[in-house]
Amino acid sequence: MRILFMSDTHGKHHELQNLPQADMLIHAGDITWGGTVEEVTDFVEWFGSLDYKYKIFIGGNHDFCLEEKETETIQRFLPKNCFYLCNSGVTIENIKIWGIPFFLSDDINGFLPQQIAEIPFNTDILITHNPPLGILDKSTLGANMGDEDLQQRVKKNKPQYHLFGHIHECYGLQKATSTTFINGSVLDENYNLVNEPIVLDL
């Protein structure tokens, strides 16, 4: 299975040209800048039209309007081969995929630790918007911005891939013993489109 991965397009998705071929396309959130319904609709129309067998996306901290919507509500507007994951999973060709958004309301209300605790142990690909602590998560000010609970859960679960974004300046790949971590932010810290979506094989 060949997968094309990206994150943090912030409304600049139409600027992505000549995307590589793959079986599956995954987006790890921040599909919008202002989190409006119009921005989400524009992204969904673009994402749904792309020529990939399977397509998956989650929400990020900029995608405010998704916070109030049930997963089933979003899914009704998507093509059959396109999946919106929100603390939920999908199995595609025996590959188990789990997605966790990063909504500020969940963070403020203290829901994130429980959402992280519910990641299944048999997950092959974990998609989150924010990174785990200490892995591709350092801001330009030098602070590690990742989540410690997420770091510990990934260490226990050992998914083959952990895909995320959020910290634009940490685009790249880092391999550990059991898991390959990828920050797929296509925009840099100044919100310029400078990075390519990343191709991986499972």
C-alpha atoms as a PDB file:
ATOM      1  CA  MET A   1       0.000   0.000   0.000  1.00  0.00           C
ATOM      2  CA  ARG A   2       1.501   3.333  -1.067  1.00  0.00           C
ATOM      3  CA  ILE A   3       0.371   6.316   1.008  1.00  0.00           C
ATOM      4  CA  LEU A   4       0.698  10.034   0.306  1.00  0.00           C
ATOM      5  CA  PHE A   5       0.694  12.058   3.513  1.00  0.00           C
ATOM      6  CA  MET A   6       0.304  15.766   4.169  1.00  0.00           C
ATOM      7  CA  SER A   7      -0.788  18.120   6.931  1.00  0.00           C
ATOM      8  CA  ASP A   8      -1.418  21.806   7.635  1.00  0.00           C
ATOM      9  CA  THR A   9      -2.512  23.098   4.244  1.00  0.00           C
ATOM     10  CA  HIS A  10      -4.474  25.962   5.876  1.00  0.00           C
ATOM     11  CA  GLY A  11      -6.626  26.671   2.832  1.00  0.00           C
ATOM     12  CA  LYS A  12      -3.738  26.456   0.352  1.00  0.00           C
ATOM     13  CA  HIS A  13      -4.666  23.000  -0.909  1.00  0.00           C
ATOM     14  CA  HIS A  14      -5.389  24.270  -4.429  1.00  0.00           C
ATOM     15  CA  GLU A  15      -1.733  25.284  -4.717  1.00  0.00           C
ATOM     16  CA  LEU A  16      -0.635  21.658  -4.454  1.00  0.00           C
ATOM     17  CA  GLN A  17       0.084  20.561  -8.007  1.00  0.00           C
ATOM     18  CA  ASN A  18       1.277  17.315  -9.605  1.00  0.00           C
ATOM     19  CA  LEU A  19       0.722  15.224  -6.511  1.00  0.00           C
ATOM     20  CA  PRO A  20       2.467  11.831  -6.628  1.00  0.00           C
ATOM     21  CA  GLN A  21       0.472   8.700  -7.324  1.00  0.00           C
ATOM     22  CA  ALA A  22      -0.498   6.551  -4.346  1.00  0.00           C
ATOM     23  CA  ASP A  23      -3.213   4.189  -3.189  1.00  0.00           C
ATOM     24  CA  MET A  24      -4.219   6.305  -0.197  1.00  0.00           C
ATOM     25  CA  LEU A  25      -4.114   9.996   0.675  1.00  0.00           C
ATOM     26  CA  ILE A  26      -3.982  11.055   4.345  1.00  0.00           C
ATOM     27  CA  HIS A  27      -4.309  14.608   5.728  1.00  0.00           C
ATOM     28  CA  ALA A  28      -3.558  15.223   9.424  1.00  0.00           C
ATOM     29  CA  GLY A  29      -5.589  18.381   9.971  1.00  0.00           C
ATOM     30  CA  ASP A  30      -5.554  22.171   9.817  1.00  0.00           C
ATOM     31  CA  ILE A  31      -7.313  21.997   6.485  1.00  0.00           C
ATOM     32  CA  THR A  32      -8.478  25.614   6.987  1.00  0.00           C
ATOM     33  CA  TRP A  33      -7.152  28.951   8.211  1.00  0.00           C
ATOM     34  CA  GLY A  34     -10.237  30.406   9.879  1.00  0.00           C
ATOM     35  CA  GLY A  35     -12.215  27.237  10.531  1.00  0.00           C
ATOM     36  CA  THR A  36     -15.301  28.327   8.583  1.00  0.00           C
ATOM     37  CA  VAL A  37     -17.900  26.076   6.995  1.00  0.00           C
ATOM     38  CA  GLU A  38     -17.049  27.597   3.601  1.00  0.00           C
ATOM     39  CA  GLU A  39     -13.378  26.661   3.974  1.00  0.00           C
ATOM     40  CA  VAL A  40     -14.207  23.119   5.041  1.00  0.00           C
ATOM     41  CA  THR A  41     -16.641  22.732   2.135  1.00  0.00           C
ATOM     42  CA  ASP A  42     -14.006  23.936  -0.325  1.00  0.00           C
ATOM     43  CA  PHE A  43     -11.448  21.506   1.080  1.00  0.00           C
ATOM     44  CA  VAL A  44     -13.877  18.563   1.058  1.00  0.00           C
ATOM     45  CA  GLU A  45     -14.805  19.220  -2.581  1.00  0.00           C
ATOM     46  CA  TRP A  46     -11.120  19.357  -3.542  1.00  0.00           C
ATOM     47  CA  PHE A  47     -10.125  16.361  -1.427  1.00  0.00           C
ATOM     48  CA  GLY A  48     -13.025  14.260  -2.670  1.00  0.00           C
ATOM     49  CA  SER A  49     -12.172  14.979  -6.302  1.00  0.00           C
ATOM     50  CA  LEU A  50      -8.583  13.728  -6.072  1.00  0.00           C
ATOM     51  CA  ASP A  51      -7.781  10.478  -7.844  1.00  0.00           C
ATOM     52  CA  TYR A  52      -6.821   8.216  -4.956  1.00  0.00           C
ATOM     53  CA  LYS A  53      -8.457   4.918  -4.092  1.00  0.00           C
ATOM     54  CA  TYR A  54      -8.813   5.894  -0.422  1.00  0.00           C
ATOM     55  CA  LYS A  55      -8.746   9.283   1.295  1.00  0.00           C
ATOM     56  CA  ILE A  56      -8.653  10.067   5.022  1.00  0.00           C
ATOM     57  CA  PHE A  57      -8.514  13.329   6.975  1.00  0.00           C
ATOM     58  CA  ILE A  58      -8.822  14.577  10.555  1.00  0.00           C
ATOM     59  CA  GLY A  59      -9.366  18.001  12.123  1.00  0.00           C
ATOM     60  CA  GLY A  60      -6.776  20.362  13.554  1.00  0.00           C
ATOM     61  CA  ASN A  61      -6.845  23.269  15.972  1.00  0.00           C
ATOM     62  CA  HIS A  62      -7.710  25.735  13.176  1.00  0.00           C
ATOM     63  CA  ASP A  63     -10.711  23.705  12.005  1.00  0.00           C
ATOM     64  CA  PHE A  64     -13.148  25.189  14.508  1.00  0.00           C
ATOM     65  CA  CYS A  65     -16.402  24.333  12.762  1.00  0.00           C
ATOM     66  CA  LEU A  66     -15.594  20.607  12.858  1.00  0.00           C
ATOM     67  CA  GLU A  67     -15.564  20.672  16.665  1.00  0.00           C
ATOM     68  CA  GLU A  68     -19.344  20.881  16.858  1.00  0.00           C
ATOM     69  CA  LYS A  69     -20.116  18.310  14.170  1.00  0.00           C
ATOM     70  CA  GLU A  70     -20.691  14.598  14.687  1.00  0.00           C
ATOM     71  CA  THR A  71     -18.442  12.324  12.650  1.00  0.00           C
ATOM     72  CA  GLU A  72     -21.480  10.802  10.937  1.00  0.00           C
ATOM     73  CA  THR A  73     -22.657  14.263   9.870  1.00  0.00           C
ATOM     74  CA  ILE A  74     -19.372  15.023   8.106  1.00  0.00           C
ATOM     75  CA  GLN A  75     -19.199  11.537   6.613  1.00  0.00           C
ATOM     76  CA  ARG A  76     -22.549  11.992   4.852  1.00  0.00           C
ATOM     77  CA  PHE A  77     -21.031  14.713   2.667  1.00  0.00           C
ATOM     78  CA  LEU A  78     -18.036  12.607   1.623  1.00  0.00           C
ATOM     79  CA  PRO A  79     -17.590  10.146  -1.254  1.00  0.00           C
ATOM     80  CA  LYS A  80     -17.694   6.471  -0.254  1.00  0.00           C
ATOM     81  CA  ASN A  81     -13.897   6.162  -0.516  1.00  0.00           C
ATOM     82  CA  CYS A  82     -13.252   9.175   1.729  1.00  0.00           C
ATOM     83  CA  PHE A  83     -13.218   8.979   5.539  1.00  0.00           C
ATOM     84  CA  TYR A  84     -13.286  11.625   8.271  1.00  0.00           C
ATOM     85  CA  LEU A  85     -11.834  10.255  11.504  1.00  0.00           C
ATOM     86  CA  CYS A  86     -12.566  11.864  14.858  1.00  0.00           C
ATOM     87  CA  ASN A  87     -11.474   9.641  17.763  1.00  0.00           C
ATOM     88  CA  SER A  88     -12.412   6.797  15.487  1.00  0.00           C
ATOM     89  CA  GLY A  89     -10.893   4.308  13.094  1.00  0.00           C
ATOM     90  CA  VAL A  90     -11.253   2.529   9.804  1.00  0.00           C
ATOM     91  CA  THR A  91      -9.767  -0.692   8.460  1.00  0.00           C
ATOM     92  CA  ILE A  92      -8.715  -0.586   4.809  1.00  0.00           C
ATOM     93  CA  GLU A  93      -7.261  -3.680   3.152  1.00  0.00           C
ATOM     94  CA  ASN A  94      -6.422  -5.086   6.599  1.00  0.00           C
ATOM     95  CA  ILE A  95      -4.617  -1.883   7.626  1.00  0.00           C
ATOM     96  CA  LYS A  96      -6.030  -0.500  10.884  1.00  0.00           C
ATOM     97  CA  ILE A  97      -6.027   3.300  10.981  1.00  0.00           C
ATOM     98  CA  TRP A  98      -7.004   5.511  13.924  1.00  0.00           C
ATOM     99  CA  GLY A  99      -7.448   9.290  13.881  1.00  0.00           C
ATOM    100  CA  ILE A 100      -7.484  11.852  16.712  1.00  0.00           C
ATOM    101  CA  PRO A 101      -8.118  15.554  15.995  1.00  0.00           C
ATOM    102  CA  PHE A 102      -6.701  18.411  18.042  1.00  0.00           C
ATOM    103  CA  PHE A 103      -9.593  20.651  19.012  1.00  0.00           C
ATOM    104  CA  LEU A 104      -8.888  23.423  21.500  1.00  0.00           C
ATOM    105  CA  SER A 105     -12.157  22.770  23.320  1.00  0.00           C
ATOM    106  CA  ASP A 106     -11.057  19.189  24.032  1.00  0.00           C
ATOM    107  CA  ASP A 107      -7.713  20.442  25.283  1.00  0.00           C
ATOM    108  CA  ILE A 108      -9.285  23.083  27.545  1.00  0.00           C
ATOM    109  CA  ASN A 109     -11.889  20.663  28.910  1.00  0.00           C
ATOM    110  CA  GLY A 110      -9.309  17.961  29.616  1.00  0.00           C
ATOM    111  CA  PHE A 111     -10.701  15.389  27.172  1.00  0.00           C
ATOM    112  CA  LEU A 112      -7.460  14.726  25.275  1.00  0.00           C
ATOM    113  CA  PRO A 113      -5.904  12.241  27.756  1.00  0.00           C
ATOM    114  CA  GLN A 114      -8.984   9.992  27.567  1.00  0.00           C
ATOM    115  CA  GLN A 115      -9.087  10.236  23.780  1.00  0.00           C
ATOM    116  CA  ILE A 116      -5.437   9.209  23.641  1.00  0.00           C
ATOM    117  CA  ALA A 117      -6.047   6.339  26.080  1.00  0.00           C
ATOM    118  CA  GLU A 118      -8.669   4.942  23.694  1.00  0.00           C
ATOM    119  CA  ILE A 119      -6.216   4.415  20.805  1.00  0.00           C
ATOM    120  CA  PRO A 120      -6.492   0.678  20.012  1.00  0.00           C
ATOM    121  CA  PHE A 121      -3.423  -1.476  20.585  1.00  0.00           C
ATOM    122  CA  ASN A 122      -3.651  -3.057  17.130  1.00  0.00           C
ATOM    123  CA  THR A 123      -3.393   0.264  15.264  1.00  0.00           C
ATOM    124  CA  ASP A 124      -1.101   0.156  12.224  1.00  0.00           C
ATOM    125  CA  ILE A 125      -1.292   3.855  11.328  1.00  0.00           C
ATOM    126  CA  LEU A 126      -2.022   6.494  13.943  1.00  0.00           C
ATOM    127  CA  ILE A 127      -3.028   9.940  12.674  1.00  0.00           C
ATOM    128  CA  THR A 128      -3.013  12.847  15.119  1.00  0.00           C
ATOM    129  CA  HIS A 129      -2.758  16.567  14.501  1.00  0.00           C
ATOM    130  CA  ASN A 130      -0.321  17.318  17.279  1.00  0.00           C
ATOM    131  CA  PRO A 131       2.979  15.449  17.707  1.00  0.00           C
ATOM    132  CA  PRO A 132       4.138  13.321  20.629  1.00  0.00           C
ATOM    133  CA  LEU A 133       6.433  15.020  23.106  1.00  0.00           C
ATOM    134  CA  GLY A 134      10.042  15.235  21.982  1.00  0.00           C
ATOM    135  CA  ILE A 135       9.545  14.007  18.411  1.00  0.00           C
ATOM    136  CA  LEU A 136       9.482  16.527  15.550  1.00  0.00           C
ATOM    137  CA  ASP A 137       7.788  18.978  17.905  1.00  0.00           C
ATOM    138  CA  LYS A 138      10.303  21.751  18.652  1.00  0.00           C
ATOM    139  CA  SER A 139       9.150  25.306  18.000  1.00  0.00           C
ATOM    140  CA  THR A 140      11.371  28.083  16.695  1.00  0.00           C
ATOM    141  CA  LEU A 141      11.665  29.248  20.312  1.00  0.00           C
ATOM    142  CA  GLY A 142      13.205  25.890  21.243  1.00  0.00           C
ATOM    143  CA  ALA A 143      10.296  24.506  23.257  1.00  0.00           C
ATOM    144  CA  ASN A 144       8.954  20.983  22.756  1.00  0.00           C
ATOM    145  CA  MET A 145       5.268  21.379  21.926  1.00  0.00           C
ATOM    146  CA  GLY A 146       4.220  17.725  21.731  1.00  0.00           C
ATOM    147  CA  ASP A 147       1.894  15.770  24.006  1.00  0.00           C
ATOM    148  CA  GLU A 148       3.386  13.580  26.754  1.00  0.00           C
ATOM    149  CA  ASP A 149       0.328  11.299  27.023  1.00  0.00           C
ATOM    150  CA  LEU A 150       0.532  10.721  23.287  1.00  0.00           C
ATOM    151  CA  GLN A 151       4.230   9.926  23.531  1.00  0.00           C
ATOM    152  CA  GLN A 152       3.587   7.297  26.209  1.00  0.00           C
ATOM    153  CA  ARG A 153       0.640   5.736  24.384  1.00  0.00           C
ATOM    154  CA  VAL A 154       2.566   5.417  21.124  1.00  0.00           C
ATOM    155  CA  LYS A 155       5.449   3.840  23.012  1.00  0.00           C
ATOM    156  CA  LYS A 156       3.040   1.191  24.349  1.00  0.00           C
ATOM    157  CA  ASN A 157       0.973   0.659  21.193  1.00  0.00           C
ATOM    158  CA  LYS A 158       3.873   0.625  18.713  1.00  0.00           C
ATOM    159  CA  PRO A 159       1.990   1.563  15.521  1.00  0.00           C
ATOM    160  CA  GLN A 160       4.033   1.147  12.385  1.00  0.00           C
ATOM    161  CA  TYR A 161       3.502   4.809  11.490  1.00  0.00           C
ATOM    162  CA  HIS A 162       2.530   7.846  13.543  1.00  0.00           C
ATOM    163  CA  LEU A 163       1.503  10.688  11.213  1.00  0.00           C
ATOM    164  CA  PHE A 164       0.976  14.271  12.438  1.00  0.00           C
ATOM    165  CA  GLY A 165       1.714  17.944  11.762  1.00  0.00           C
ATOM    166  CA  HIS A 166       0.903  21.095  13.769  1.00  0.00           C
ATOM    167  CA  ILE A 167       4.509  22.246  14.335  1.00  0.00           C
ATOM    168  CA  HIS A 168       5.276  23.530  10.841  1.00  0.00           C
ATOM    169  CA  GLU A 169       8.992  24.036  11.399  1.00  0.00           C
ATOM    170  CA  CYS A 170       9.518  20.339  12.222  1.00  0.00           C
ATOM    171  CA  TYR A 171       8.548  18.807   8.873  1.00  0.00           C
ATOM    172  CA  GLY A 172      10.324  15.519   8.348  1.00  0.00           C
ATOM    173  CA  LEU A 173      10.710  11.879   9.341  1.00  0.00           C
ATOM    174  CA  GLN A 174      12.174  10.180  12.401  1.00  0.00           C
ATOM    175  CA  LYS A 175      12.495   6.419  12.819  1.00  0.00           C
ATOM    176  CA  ALA A 176      12.384   4.618  16.141  1.00  0.00           C
ATOM    177  CA  THR A 177      12.645   0.887  16.834  1.00  0.00           C
ATOM    178  CA  SER A 178       8.962   0.111  16.301  1.00  0.00           C
ATOM    179  CA  THR A 179       7.437   3.279  14.845  1.00  0.00           C
ATOM    180  CA  THR A 180       8.235   5.723  12.061  1.00  0.00           C
ATOM    181  CA  PHE A 181       7.169   9.256  12.994  1.00  0.00           C
ATOM    182  CA  ILE A 182       6.335  11.748  10.230  1.00  0.00           C
ATOM    183  CA  ASN A 183       5.507  15.435  10.517  1.00  0.00           C
ATOM    184  CA  GLY A 184       3.837  16.213   7.198  1.00  0.00           C
ATOM    185  CA  SER A 185       3.327  19.985   7.511  1.00  0.00           C
ATOM    186  CA  VAL A 186       3.533  21.319   3.961  1.00  0.00           C
ATOM    187  CA  LEU A 187       3.631  24.943   5.162  1.00  0.00           C
ATOM    188  CA  ASP A 188       6.583  26.395   7.034  1.00  0.00           C
ATOM    189  CA  GLU A 189       6.374  28.519  10.186  1.00  0.00           C
ATOM    190  CA  ASN A 190       5.592  31.570   8.018  1.00  0.00           C
ATOM    191  CA  TYR A 191       2.721  29.701   6.321  1.00  0.00           C
ATOM    192  CA  ASN A 192       4.542  29.468   2.993  1.00  0.00           C
ATOM    193  CA  LEU A 193       3.999  26.330   0.935  1.00  0.00           C
ATOM    194  CA  VAL A 194       7.544  24.958   0.833  1.00  0.00           C
ATOM    195  CA  ASN A 195       7.357  21.259   1.749  1.00  0.00           C
ATOM    196  CA  GLU A 196       6.274  18.324  -0.375  1.00  0.00           C
ATOM    197  CA  PRO A 197       3.705  15.742   0.746  1.00  0.00           C
ATOM    198  CA  ILE A 198       5.504  12.590   1.886  1.00  0.00           C
ATOM    199  CA  VAL A 199       5.191   9.173   0.234  1.00  0.00           C
ATOM    200  CA  LEU A 200       5.428   6.059   2.406  1.00  0.00           C
ATOM    201  CA  ASP A 201       4.833   2.356   1.875  1.00  0.00           C
ATOM    202  CA  LEU A 202       3.116  -0.089   4.173  1.00  0.00           C
END
